[in-house]
Amino acid sequence: MVAPGFLANPEVRRWLNGVEPAWTMLEFDSFNALHGEPSANNQAIRLKANLTEAEISGSAITANALLLLRRATETGGLKLTATGNLSRAVVEEMCGIIESPGYDKDELFRYQKVVNEPDFIPLHFVRVLTQAAKLFRTYRRKLMPTPLGRRILNGEQHGPLQALLLHVAFWRLNLGYFDR
């Protein structure tokens, strides 16, 4: 928890600009429940797995994960570099088709002639996330869909995919990794 009188500090009040965070109104047990991973025992946060196509159509992460899964399935795997990142050829192709609302691709290419996977954060995030969700595995320097990845792609189970990706992103990934 925060120190007593935290919200009375004038610097904190100025930074918050008159907004009182909702978590400050929670009781200690409720606050701790929200920090916990969703489960049968902890239902403070529930992830719906039966979302319709219309409900998840606005999710760029889910759409990009499906693009990556489809491309890997169509090509027999996506070529990886020695460091485990997607090859420049794959990155160049994905830059053209991946959705990235609010991300200025032109700005990226203005300063870099050659783009590696970690330079293109929308792709890099989705690749790391889908690997952490066990939708991909590496095999002979290629990124290959796992049986789970193929099942999600073939079964058109996009609602469960979004729930899985959200769960992995917030409770399994170290998001600090992306703070370059």
N, C-alpha and C. Protein backbone atom coordinates (compact mmCIF):
# COMPACT_ATOMS: atom_id res chain seq x y z
N MET A 1 0.84 -1.19 0.00
CA MET A 1 0.00 0.00 0.00
C MET A 1 0.88 1.24 0.00
N VAL A 2 0.27 2.36 -0.12
CA VAL A 2 0.99 3.62 -0.14
C VAL A 2 1.08 4.19 1.27
N ALA A 3 1.97 5.12 1.43
CA ALA A 3 2.17 5.76 2.73
C ALA A 3 0.93 6.56 3.12
N PRO A 4 0.61 6.59 4.42
CA PRO A 4 -0.52 7.42 4.87
C PRO A 4 -0.29 8.87 4.46
N GLY A 5 -1.36 9.52 4.05
CA GLY A 5 -1.26 10.92 3.65
C GLY A 5 -0.73 11.11 2.23
N PHE A 6 -0.59 10.03 1.51
CA PHE A 6 -0.06 10.07 0.14
C PHE A 6 -0.82 11.07 -0.73
N LEU A 7 -2.14 11.05 -0.64
CA LEU A 7 -2.94 11.95 -1.48
C LEU A 7 -2.99 13.37 -0.94
N ALA A 8 -2.50 13.60 0.25
CA ALA A 8 -2.46 14.95 0.81
C ALA A 8 -1.23 15.71 0.33
N ASN A 9 -0.26 15.00 -0.22
CA ASN A 9 0.97 15.61 -0.72
C ASN A 9 0.62 16.53 -1.90
N PRO A 10 0.99 17.83 -1.84
CA PRO A 10 0.64 18.77 -2.91
C PRO A 10 1.22 18.36 -4.27
N GLU A 11 2.41 17.76 -4.28
CA GLU A 11 3.01 17.32 -5.55
C GLU A 11 2.18 16.21 -6.19
N VAL A 12 1.72 15.29 -5.36
CA VAL A 12 0.89 14.18 -5.85
C VAL A 12 -0.43 14.73 -6.36
N ARG A 13 -1.03 15.64 -5.63
CA ARG A 13 -2.31 16.24 -6.04
C ARG A 13 -2.17 16.98 -7.37
N ARG A 14 -1.05 17.71 -7.53
CA ARG A 14 -0.81 18.43 -8.78
C ARG A 14 -0.65 17.44 -9.93
N TRP A 15 0.08 16.36 -9.69
CA TRP A 15 0.32 15.36 -10.72
C TRP A 15 -0.99 14.67 -11.12
N LEU A 16 -1.86 14.42 -10.14
CA LEU A 16 -3.14 13.77 -10.42
C LEU A 16 -4.15 14.73 -11.06
N ASN A 17 -3.89 16.02 -11.00
CA ASN A 17 -4.73 17.03 -11.63
C ASN A 17 -6.20 16.92 -11.19
N GLY A 18 -6.41 16.72 -9.88
CA GLY A 18 -7.76 16.69 -9.35
C GLY A 18 -8.47 15.35 -9.45
N VAL A 19 -7.83 14.36 -10.05
CA VAL A 19 -8.44 13.03 -10.20
C VAL A 19 -8.00 12.15 -9.03
N GLU A 20 -8.96 11.55 -8.36
CA GLU A 20 -8.63 10.62 -7.28
C GLU A 20 -8.69 9.21 -7.85
N PRO A 21 -7.58 8.47 -7.83
CA PRO A 21 -7.58 7.11 -8.39
C PRO A 21 -8.57 6.20 -7.66
N ALA A 22 -9.23 5.34 -8.42
CA ALA A 22 -10.25 4.45 -7.87
C ALA A 22 -9.66 3.51 -6.82
N TRP A 23 -8.42 3.09 -7.02
CA TRP A 23 -7.83 2.13 -6.08
C TRP A 23 -7.69 2.69 -4.67
N THR A 24 -7.68 4.01 -4.53
CA THR A 24 -7.56 4.60 -3.19
C THR A 24 -8.84 4.40 -2.37
N MET A 25 -9.95 4.08 -3.04
CA MET A 25 -11.22 3.86 -2.35
C MET A 25 -11.44 2.39 -1.99
N LEU A 26 -10.54 1.51 -2.39
CA LEU A 26 -10.69 0.08 -2.14
C LEU A 26 -10.24 -0.28 -0.73
N GLU A 27 -10.85 -1.30 -0.19
CA GLU A 27 -10.37 -1.87 1.06
C GLU A 27 -9.15 -2.72 0.74
N PHE A 28 -8.36 -3.00 1.75
CA PHE A 28 -7.09 -3.71 1.55
C PHE A 28 -7.29 -5.06 0.87
N ASP A 29 -8.28 -5.86 1.28
CA ASP A 29 -8.52 -7.18 0.68
C ASP A 29 -8.93 -7.05 -0.78
N SER A 30 -9.75 -6.06 -1.10
CA SER A 30 -10.17 -5.84 -2.49
C SER A 30 -8.98 -5.42 -3.35
N PHE A 31 -8.17 -4.56 -2.81
CA PHE A 31 -6.97 -4.11 -3.52
C PHE A 31 -6.07 -5.30 -3.84
N ASN A 32 -5.85 -6.17 -2.86
CA ASN A 32 -5.02 -7.36 -3.07
C ASN A 32 -5.65 -8.33 -4.05
N ALA A 33 -6.96 -8.47 -4.03
CA ALA A 33 -7.65 -9.37 -4.97
C ALA A 33 -7.44 -8.92 -6.41
N LEU A 34 -7.43 -7.62 -6.64
CA LEU A 34 -7.21 -7.11 -8.00
C LEU A 34 -5.78 -7.34 -8.48
N HIS A 35 -4.85 -7.50 -7.57
CA HIS A 35 -3.46 -7.78 -7.95
C HIS A 35 -3.27 -9.24 -8.33
N GLY A 36 -4.17 -10.09 -7.87
CA GLY A 36 -4.03 -11.52 -8.12
C GLY A 36 -4.48 -11.91 -9.51
N GLU A 37 -3.97 -13.03 -9.94
CA GLU A 37 -4.30 -13.59 -11.25
C GLU A 37 -5.74 -14.11 -11.24
N PRO A 38 -6.51 -13.89 -12.32
CA PRO A 38 -7.87 -14.43 -12.37
C PRO A 38 -7.83 -15.95 -12.26
N SER A 39 -8.72 -16.49 -11.45
CA SER A 39 -8.79 -17.94 -11.27
C SER A 39 -10.17 -18.28 -10.71
N ALA A 40 -10.39 -19.58 -10.48
CA ALA A 40 -11.66 -20.01 -9.90
C ALA A 40 -11.82 -19.44 -8.49
N ASN A 41 -10.71 -19.28 -7.78
CA ASN A 41 -10.75 -18.75 -6.41
C ASN A 41 -10.77 -17.23 -6.38
N ASN A 42 -10.17 -16.59 -7.36
CA ASN A 42 -10.10 -15.13 -7.38
C ASN A 42 -10.89 -14.62 -8.58
N GLN A 43 -12.11 -14.20 -8.34
CA GLN A 43 -12.95 -13.72 -9.43
C GLN A 43 -13.12 -12.21 -9.41
N ALA A 44 -12.14 -11.51 -8.86
CA ALA A 44 -12.19 -10.05 -8.87
C ALA A 44 -12.13 -9.54 -10.30
N ILE A 45 -11.41 -10.26 -11.15
CA ILE A 45 -11.35 -9.96 -12.58
C ILE A 45 -11.71 -11.25 -13.31
N ARG A 46 -12.66 -11.15 -14.25
CA ARG A 46 -13.06 -12.33 -15.02
C ARG A 46 -12.85 -12.02 -16.50
N LEU A 47 -12.26 -12.97 -17.20
CA LEU A 47 -12.02 -12.83 -18.64
C LEU A 47 -13.01 -13.71 -19.39
N LYS A 48 -13.83 -13.10 -20.24
CA LYS A 48 -14.80 -13.86 -21.02
C LYS A 48 -14.09 -14.50 -22.20
N ALA A 49 -14.34 -15.78 -22.38
CA ALA A 49 -13.72 -16.50 -23.50
C ALA A 49 -14.69 -16.72 -24.65
N ASN A 50 -15.93 -16.28 -24.51
CA ASN A 50 -16.93 -16.53 -25.55
C ASN A 50 -17.34 -15.24 -26.27
N LEU A 51 -16.37 -14.40 -26.55
CA LEU A 51 -16.67 -13.16 -27.24
C LEU A 51 -16.95 -13.42 -28.72
N THR A 52 -17.80 -12.61 -29.31
CA THR A 52 -18.12 -12.74 -30.73
C THR A 52 -17.07 -12.01 -31.56
N GLU A 53 -17.10 -12.26 -32.85
CA GLU A 53 -16.17 -11.57 -33.77
C GLU A 53 -16.35 -10.06 -33.67
N ALA A 54 -17.58 -9.61 -33.59
CA ALA A 54 -17.84 -8.17 -33.50
C ALA A 54 -17.25 -7.58 -32.23
N GLU A 55 -17.31 -8.33 -31.13
CA GLU A 55 -16.80 -7.83 -29.86
C GLU A 55 -15.28 -7.73 -29.83
N ILE A 56 -14.60 -8.60 -30.56
CA ILE A 56 -13.13 -8.55 -30.52
C ILE A 56 -12.53 -7.90 -31.76
N SER A 57 -13.37 -7.41 -32.66
CA SER A 57 -12.86 -6.83 -33.91
C SER A 57 -11.97 -5.61 -33.66
N GLY A 58 -12.14 -4.96 -32.54
CA GLY A 58 -11.33 -3.79 -32.23
C GLY A 58 -10.01 -4.10 -31.58
N SER A 59 -9.70 -5.36 -31.37
CA SER A 59 -8.45 -5.74 -30.71
C SER A 59 -7.34 -5.95 -31.72
N ALA A 60 -6.42 -4.98 -31.80
CA ALA A 60 -5.30 -5.10 -32.73
C ALA A 60 -4.38 -6.25 -32.33
N ILE A 61 -4.23 -6.50 -31.05
CA ILE A 61 -3.35 -7.57 -30.57
C ILE A 61 -3.87 -8.92 -31.06
N THR A 62 -5.17 -9.18 -30.89
CA THR A 62 -5.74 -10.44 -31.34
C THR A 62 -5.64 -10.57 -32.85
N ALA A 63 -5.96 -9.51 -33.57
CA ALA A 63 -5.86 -9.53 -35.03
C ALA A 63 -4.43 -9.81 -35.49
N ASN A 64 -3.45 -9.17 -34.85
CA ASN A 64 -2.05 -9.37 -35.23
C ASN A 64 -1.57 -10.77 -34.87
N ALA A 65 -2.05 -11.31 -33.75
CA ALA A 65 -1.69 -12.68 -33.38
C ALA A 65 -2.22 -13.66 -34.42
N LEU A 66 -3.45 -13.43 -34.89
CA LEU A 66 -4.02 -14.29 -35.92
C LEU A 66 -3.26 -14.15 -37.23
N LEU A 67 -2.86 -12.93 -37.59
CA LEU A 67 -2.04 -12.73 -38.80
C LEU A 67 -0.74 -13.51 -38.71
N LEU A 68 -0.08 -13.43 -37.58
CA LEU A 68 1.18 -14.13 -37.39
C LEU A 68 0.98 -15.64 -37.45
N LEU A 69 -0.08 -16.14 -36.80
CA LEU A 69 -0.39 -17.57 -36.85
C LEU A 69 -0.68 -18.04 -38.27
N ARG A 70 -1.49 -17.28 -39.00
CA ARG A 70 -1.83 -17.65 -40.39
C ARG A 70 -0.59 -17.67 -41.27
N ARG A 71 0.22 -16.63 -41.13
CA ARG A 71 1.43 -16.54 -41.97
C ARG A 71 2.39 -17.68 -41.67
N ALA A 72 2.56 -18.02 -40.41
CA ALA A 72 3.45 -19.11 -40.04
C ALA A 72 2.91 -20.45 -40.54
N THR A 73 1.60 -20.63 -40.51
CA THR A 73 0.98 -21.86 -40.99
C THR A 73 1.12 -21.97 -42.50
N GLU A 74 0.87 -20.87 -43.22
CA GLU A 74 0.94 -20.88 -44.69
C GLU A 74 2.35 -21.14 -45.20
N THR A 75 3.35 -20.65 -44.50
CA THR A 75 4.73 -20.73 -45.01
C THR A 75 5.54 -21.86 -44.38
N GLY A 76 4.94 -22.64 -43.51
CA GLY A 76 5.69 -23.71 -42.86
C GLY A 76 6.64 -23.19 -41.80
N GLY A 77 6.32 -22.05 -41.23
CA GLY A 77 7.14 -21.45 -40.17
C GLY A 77 7.76 -20.15 -40.62
N LEU A 78 8.05 -19.29 -39.66
CA LEU A 78 8.66 -17.99 -39.94
C LEU A 78 10.13 -18.05 -39.56
N LYS A 79 10.98 -17.64 -40.47
CA LYS A 79 12.42 -17.73 -40.27
C LYS A 79 12.87 -16.82 -39.12
N LEU A 80 13.77 -17.36 -38.28
CA LEU A 80 14.31 -16.63 -37.13
C LEU A 80 15.80 -16.34 -37.33
N THR A 81 16.26 -15.31 -36.66
CA THR A 81 17.69 -15.00 -36.66
C THR A 81 18.37 -15.85 -35.59
N ALA A 82 19.69 -15.75 -35.53
CA ALA A 82 20.44 -16.49 -34.52
C ALA A 82 20.06 -16.06 -33.10
N THR A 83 19.59 -14.82 -32.94
CA THR A 83 19.21 -14.34 -31.61
C THR A 83 17.76 -14.69 -31.24
N GLY A 84 17.03 -15.32 -32.17
CA GLY A 84 15.66 -15.74 -31.89
C GLY A 84 14.59 -14.77 -32.32
N ASN A 85 14.98 -13.67 -32.95
CA ASN A 85 14.00 -12.72 -33.48
C ASN A 85 13.60 -13.11 -34.89
N LEU A 86 12.49 -12.57 -35.36
CA LEU A 86 12.06 -12.82 -36.73
C LEU A 86 13.08 -12.21 -37.71
N SER A 87 13.27 -12.86 -38.83
CA SER A 87 14.23 -12.36 -39.82
C SER A 87 13.76 -11.03 -40.39
N ARG A 88 14.69 -10.30 -40.98
CA ARG A 88 14.35 -8.99 -41.56
C ARG A 88 13.33 -9.11 -42.68
N ALA A 89 13.40 -10.18 -43.45
CA ALA A 89 12.44 -10.38 -44.53
C ALA A 89 11.03 -10.55 -43.97
N VAL A 90 10.90 -11.31 -42.90
CA VAL A 90 9.59 -11.51 -42.26
C VAL A 90 9.12 -10.20 -41.66
N VAL A 91 10.02 -9.46 -41.01
CA VAL A 91 9.65 -8.18 -40.40
C VAL A 91 9.17 -7.21 -41.47
N GLU A 92 9.86 -7.15 -42.59
CA GLU A 92 9.46 -6.25 -43.68
C GLU A 92 8.08 -6.61 -44.18
N GLU A 93 7.82 -7.89 -44.38
CA GLU A 93 6.50 -8.33 -44.84
C GLU A 93 5.42 -7.99 -43.81
N MET A 94 5.69 -8.26 -42.54
CA MET A 94 4.71 -8.03 -41.49
C MET A 94 4.46 -6.54 -41.27
N CYS A 95 5.46 -5.71 -41.50
CA CYS A 95 5.28 -4.26 -41.37
C CYS A 95 4.19 -3.77 -42.31
N GLY A 96 4.08 -4.41 -43.46
CA GLY A 96 3.07 -4.00 -44.43
C GLY A 96 1.66 -4.44 -44.09
N ILE A 97 1.52 -5.52 -43.33
CA ILE A 97 0.17 -6.06 -43.10
C ILE A 97 -0.31 -5.98 -41.66
N ILE A 98 0.58 -5.74 -40.74
CA ILE A 98 0.18 -5.74 -39.32
C ILE A 98 -0.56 -4.45 -38.97
N GLU A 99 -1.57 -4.58 -38.12
CA GLU A 99 -2.33 -3.42 -37.66
C GLU A 99 -1.63 -2.81 -36.45
N SER A 100 -1.50 -1.50 -36.46
CA SER A 100 -0.85 -0.84 -35.32
C SER A 100 -1.45 0.54 -35.10
N PRO A 101 -2.68 0.59 -34.54
CA PRO A 101 -3.32 1.89 -34.31
C PRO A 101 -2.47 2.78 -33.42
N GLY A 102 -2.29 4.01 -33.85
CA GLY A 102 -1.52 4.97 -33.05
C GLY A 102 -0.02 4.83 -33.21
N TYR A 103 0.44 3.88 -34.01
CA TYR A 103 1.88 3.68 -34.22
C TYR A 103 2.23 4.19 -35.60
N ASP A 104 3.17 5.10 -35.69
CA ASP A 104 3.54 5.72 -36.96
C ASP A 104 4.67 4.94 -37.62
N LYS A 105 4.31 4.07 -38.57
CA LYS A 105 5.30 3.26 -39.27
C LYS A 105 6.23 4.14 -40.11
N ASP A 106 5.68 5.19 -40.69
CA ASP A 106 6.50 6.10 -41.51
C ASP A 106 7.62 6.71 -40.69
N GLU A 107 7.32 7.04 -39.45
CA GLU A 107 8.33 7.61 -38.55
C GLU A 107 9.46 6.61 -38.31
N LEU A 108 9.10 5.34 -38.17
CA LEU A 108 10.09 4.29 -37.97
C LEU A 108 11.03 4.20 -39.16
N PHE A 109 10.47 4.22 -40.36
CA PHE A 109 11.30 4.09 -41.57
C PHE A 109 12.03 5.37 -41.92
N ARG A 110 11.62 6.47 -41.36
CA ARG A 110 12.30 7.74 -41.61
C ARG A 110 13.71 7.71 -41.01
N TYR A 111 13.87 7.04 -39.89
CA TYR A 111 15.15 7.03 -39.19
C TYR A 111 15.93 5.74 -39.36
N GLN A 112 15.30 4.70 -39.89
CA GLN A 112 15.99 3.43 -40.04
C GLN A 112 15.73 2.86 -41.42
N LYS A 113 16.80 2.48 -42.10
CA LYS A 113 16.65 1.85 -43.41
C LYS A 113 16.34 0.37 -43.26
N VAL A 114 16.94 -0.24 -42.26
CA VAL A 114 16.73 -1.66 -41.99
C VAL A 114 16.03 -1.78 -40.64
N VAL A 115 14.93 -2.52 -40.63
CA VAL A 115 14.16 -2.65 -39.40
C VAL A 115 14.26 -4.10 -38.90
N ASN A 116 14.77 -4.23 -37.70
CA ASN A 116 14.80 -5.53 -37.03
C ASN A 116 13.53 -5.68 -36.21
N GLU A 117 13.23 -6.90 -35.81
CA GLU A 117 11.99 -7.14 -35.07
C GLU A 117 11.84 -6.26 -33.83
N PRO A 118 12.86 -6.15 -32.96
CA PRO A 118 12.68 -5.31 -31.75
C PRO A 118 12.44 -3.83 -32.06
N ASP A 119 12.79 -3.39 -33.26
CA ASP A 119 12.55 -2.00 -33.65
C ASP A 119 11.07 -1.74 -33.95
N PHE A 120 10.35 -2.76 -34.36
CA PHE A 120 8.94 -2.64 -34.70
C PHE A 120 8.12 -3.25 -33.55
N ILE A 121 7.85 -2.44 -32.54
CA ILE A 121 7.25 -2.89 -31.29
C ILE A 121 5.92 -3.62 -31.48
N PRO A 122 4.99 -3.18 -32.35
CA PRO A 122 3.73 -3.94 -32.48
C PRO A 122 3.97 -5.41 -32.86
N LEU A 123 4.91 -5.68 -33.73
CA LEU A 123 5.22 -7.05 -34.11
C LEU A 123 5.98 -7.77 -33.01
N HIS A 124 6.96 -7.11 -32.46
CA HIS A 124 7.80 -7.73 -31.41
C HIS A 124 6.95 -8.12 -30.21
N PHE A 125 6.05 -7.24 -29.78
CA PHE A 125 5.19 -7.53 -28.64
C PHE A 125 4.32 -8.76 -28.92
N VAL A 126 3.71 -8.80 -30.09
CA VAL A 126 2.83 -9.92 -30.43
C VAL A 126 3.62 -11.22 -30.52
N ARG A 127 4.81 -11.18 -31.09
CA ARG A 127 5.62 -12.40 -31.18
C ARG A 127 6.00 -12.92 -29.80
N VAL A 128 6.47 -12.04 -28.93
CA VAL A 128 6.85 -12.45 -27.57
C VAL A 128 5.62 -12.94 -26.81
N LEU A 129 4.50 -12.24 -26.94
CA LEU A 129 3.27 -12.61 -26.25
C LEU A 129 2.75 -13.97 -26.72
N THR A 130 2.72 -14.20 -28.02
CA THR A 130 2.20 -15.47 -28.53
C THR A 130 3.12 -16.63 -28.18
N GLN A 131 4.41 -16.38 -28.11
CA GLN A 131 5.32 -17.44 -27.67
C GLN A 131 5.11 -17.74 -26.19
N ALA A 132 4.92 -16.72 -25.38
CA ALA A 132 4.68 -16.92 -23.95
C ALA A 132 3.35 -17.63 -23.72
N ALA A 133 2.39 -17.43 -24.63
CA ALA A 133 1.08 -18.09 -24.54
C ALA A 133 1.13 -19.50 -25.12
N LYS A 134 2.30 -19.94 -25.55
CA LYS A 134 2.50 -21.29 -26.10
C LYS A 134 1.75 -21.51 -27.40
N LEU A 135 1.57 -20.44 -28.20
CA LEU A 135 0.97 -20.57 -29.52
C LEU A 135 2.03 -20.85 -30.58
N PHE A 136 3.28 -20.57 -30.25
CA PHE A 136 4.42 -20.81 -31.14
C PHE A 136 5.52 -21.50 -30.36
N ARG A 137 6.37 -22.18 -31.08
CA ARG A 137 7.61 -22.73 -30.54
C ARG A 137 8.68 -22.57 -31.62
N THR A 138 9.92 -22.63 -31.22
CA THR A 138 11.00 -22.56 -32.20
C THR A 138 11.43 -23.98 -32.55
N TYR A 139 11.67 -24.18 -33.84
CA TYR A 139 12.12 -25.47 -34.34
C TYR A 139 13.01 -25.21 -35.55
N ARG A 140 14.27 -25.58 -35.43
CA ARG A 140 15.24 -25.42 -36.51
C ARG A 140 15.25 -24.00 -37.07
N ARG A 141 15.39 -23.05 -36.16
CA ARG A 141 15.46 -21.61 -36.49
C ARG A 141 14.25 -21.11 -37.25
N LYS A 142 13.10 -21.69 -36.91
CA LYS A 142 11.83 -21.21 -37.45
C LYS A 142 10.83 -21.11 -36.30
N LEU A 143 9.93 -20.15 -36.43
CA LEU A 143 8.84 -19.99 -35.47
C LEU A 143 7.66 -20.78 -36.01
N MET A 144 7.31 -21.86 -35.31
CA MET A 144 6.28 -22.79 -35.77
C MET A 144 5.06 -22.73 -34.86
N PRO A 145 3.85 -22.79 -35.43
CA PRO A 145 2.66 -22.85 -34.58
C PRO A 145 2.63 -24.16 -33.80
N THR A 146 2.24 -24.10 -32.56
CA THR A 146 2.08 -25.29 -31.74
C THR A 146 0.71 -25.91 -32.04
N PRO A 147 0.44 -27.10 -31.53
CA PRO A 147 -0.91 -27.65 -31.71
C PRO A 147 -2.00 -26.70 -31.18
N LEU A 148 -1.74 -26.03 -30.06
CA LEU A 148 -2.71 -25.06 -29.54
C LEU A 148 -2.90 -23.91 -30.53
N GLY A 149 -1.83 -23.39 -31.09
CA GLY A 149 -1.92 -22.31 -32.07
C GLY A 149 -2.71 -22.72 -33.29
N ARG A 150 -2.47 -23.93 -33.78
CA ARG A 150 -3.22 -24.43 -34.95
C ARG A 150 -4.69 -24.65 -34.61
N ARG A 151 -4.96 -25.14 -33.40
CA ARG A 151 -6.34 -25.37 -32.97
C ARG A 151 -7.11 -24.05 -32.89
N ILE A 152 -6.48 -23.04 -32.35
CA ILE A 152 -7.12 -21.72 -32.25
C ILE A 152 -7.37 -21.15 -33.65
N LEU A 153 -6.41 -21.31 -34.53
CA LEU A 153 -6.54 -20.78 -35.90
C LEU A 153 -7.61 -21.55 -36.67
N ASN A 154 -7.59 -22.86 -36.60
CA ASN A 154 -8.54 -23.68 -37.36
C ASN A 154 -9.94 -23.63 -36.78
N GLY A 155 -10.05 -23.53 -35.48
CA GLY A 155 -11.35 -23.54 -34.84
C GLY A 155 -12.01 -22.18 -34.80
N GLU A 156 -11.30 -21.16 -35.32
CA GLU A 156 -11.83 -19.79 -35.27
C GLU A 156 -12.24 -19.42 -33.85
N GLN A 157 -11.42 -19.81 -32.88
CA GLN A 157 -11.70 -19.53 -31.47
C GLN A 157 -11.02 -18.23 -31.07
N HIS A 158 -11.51 -17.14 -31.60
CA HIS A 158 -10.85 -15.86 -31.35
C HIS A 158 -11.20 -15.27 -29.99
N GLY A 159 -12.37 -15.57 -29.48
CA GLY A 159 -12.74 -15.10 -28.14
C GLY A 159 -11.81 -15.67 -27.08
N PRO A 160 -11.62 -17.01 -27.08
CA PRO A 160 -10.66 -17.57 -26.12
C PRO A 160 -9.23 -17.06 -26.36
N LEU A 161 -8.89 -16.78 -27.60
CA LEU A 161 -7.56 -16.27 -27.90
C LEU A 161 -7.34 -14.93 -27.21
N GLN A 162 -8.32 -14.06 -27.31
CA GLN A 162 -8.17 -12.75 -26.67
C GLN A 162 -8.05 -12.88 -25.16
N ALA A 163 -8.84 -13.74 -24.55
CA ALA A 163 -8.76 -13.94 -23.11
C ALA A 163 -7.39 -14.51 -22.73
N LEU A 164 -6.91 -15.47 -23.51
CA LEU A 164 -5.59 -16.07 -23.25
C LEU A 164 -4.48 -15.02 -23.35
N LEU A 165 -4.51 -14.22 -24.41
CA LEU A 165 -3.46 -13.21 -24.61
C LEU A 165 -3.49 -12.16 -23.50
N LEU A 166 -4.68 -11.74 -23.10
CA LEU A 166 -4.79 -10.75 -22.02
C LEU A 166 -4.24 -11.33 -20.72
N HIS A 167 -4.60 -12.56 -20.43
CA HIS A 167 -4.13 -13.21 -19.21
C HIS A 167 -2.60 -13.31 -19.21
N VAL A 168 -2.04 -13.77 -20.30
CA VAL A 168 -0.58 -13.92 -20.38
C VAL A 168 0.10 -12.55 -20.31
N ALA A 169 -0.45 -11.55 -20.98
CA ALA A 169 0.18 -10.22 -21.00
C ALA A 169 0.26 -9.61 -19.62
N PHE A 170 -0.80 -9.74 -18.84
CA PHE A 170 -0.83 -9.06 -17.55
C PHE A 170 -0.36 -9.89 -16.37
N TRP A 171 -0.36 -11.22 -16.49
CA TRP A 171 0.02 -12.03 -15.33
C TRP A 171 1.19 -12.97 -15.59
N ARG A 172 1.68 -13.06 -16.81
CA ARG A 172 2.78 -13.98 -17.08
C ARG A 172 4.00 -13.30 -17.71
N LEU A 173 3.78 -12.25 -18.46
CA LEU A 173 4.89 -11.55 -19.12
C LEU A 173 5.48 -10.49 -18.20
N ASN A 174 6.76 -10.27 -18.34
CA ASN A 174 7.40 -9.14 -17.68
C ASN A 174 7.36 -7.98 -18.66
N LEU A 175 6.39 -7.11 -18.51
CA LEU A 175 6.22 -6.00 -19.46
C LEU A 175 7.38 -5.03 -19.41
N GLY A 176 8.17 -5.06 -18.34
CA GLY A 176 9.36 -4.22 -18.24
C GLY A 176 10.38 -4.54 -19.32
N TYR A 177 10.31 -5.75 -19.88
CA TYR A 177 11.19 -6.16 -20.97
C TYR A 177 11.08 -5.20 -22.16
N PHE A 178 9.89 -4.66 -22.40
CA PHE A 178 9.66 -3.81 -23.55
C PHE A 178 10.03 -2.35 -23.31
N ASP A 179 10.48 -2.01 -22.12
CA ASP A 179 10.86 -0.65 -21.78
C ASP A 179 12.32 -0.42 -22.19
N ARG A 180 12.52 -0.15 -23.47
CA ARG A 180 13.87 0.00 -24.00
C ARG A 180 14.36 1.38 -23.74
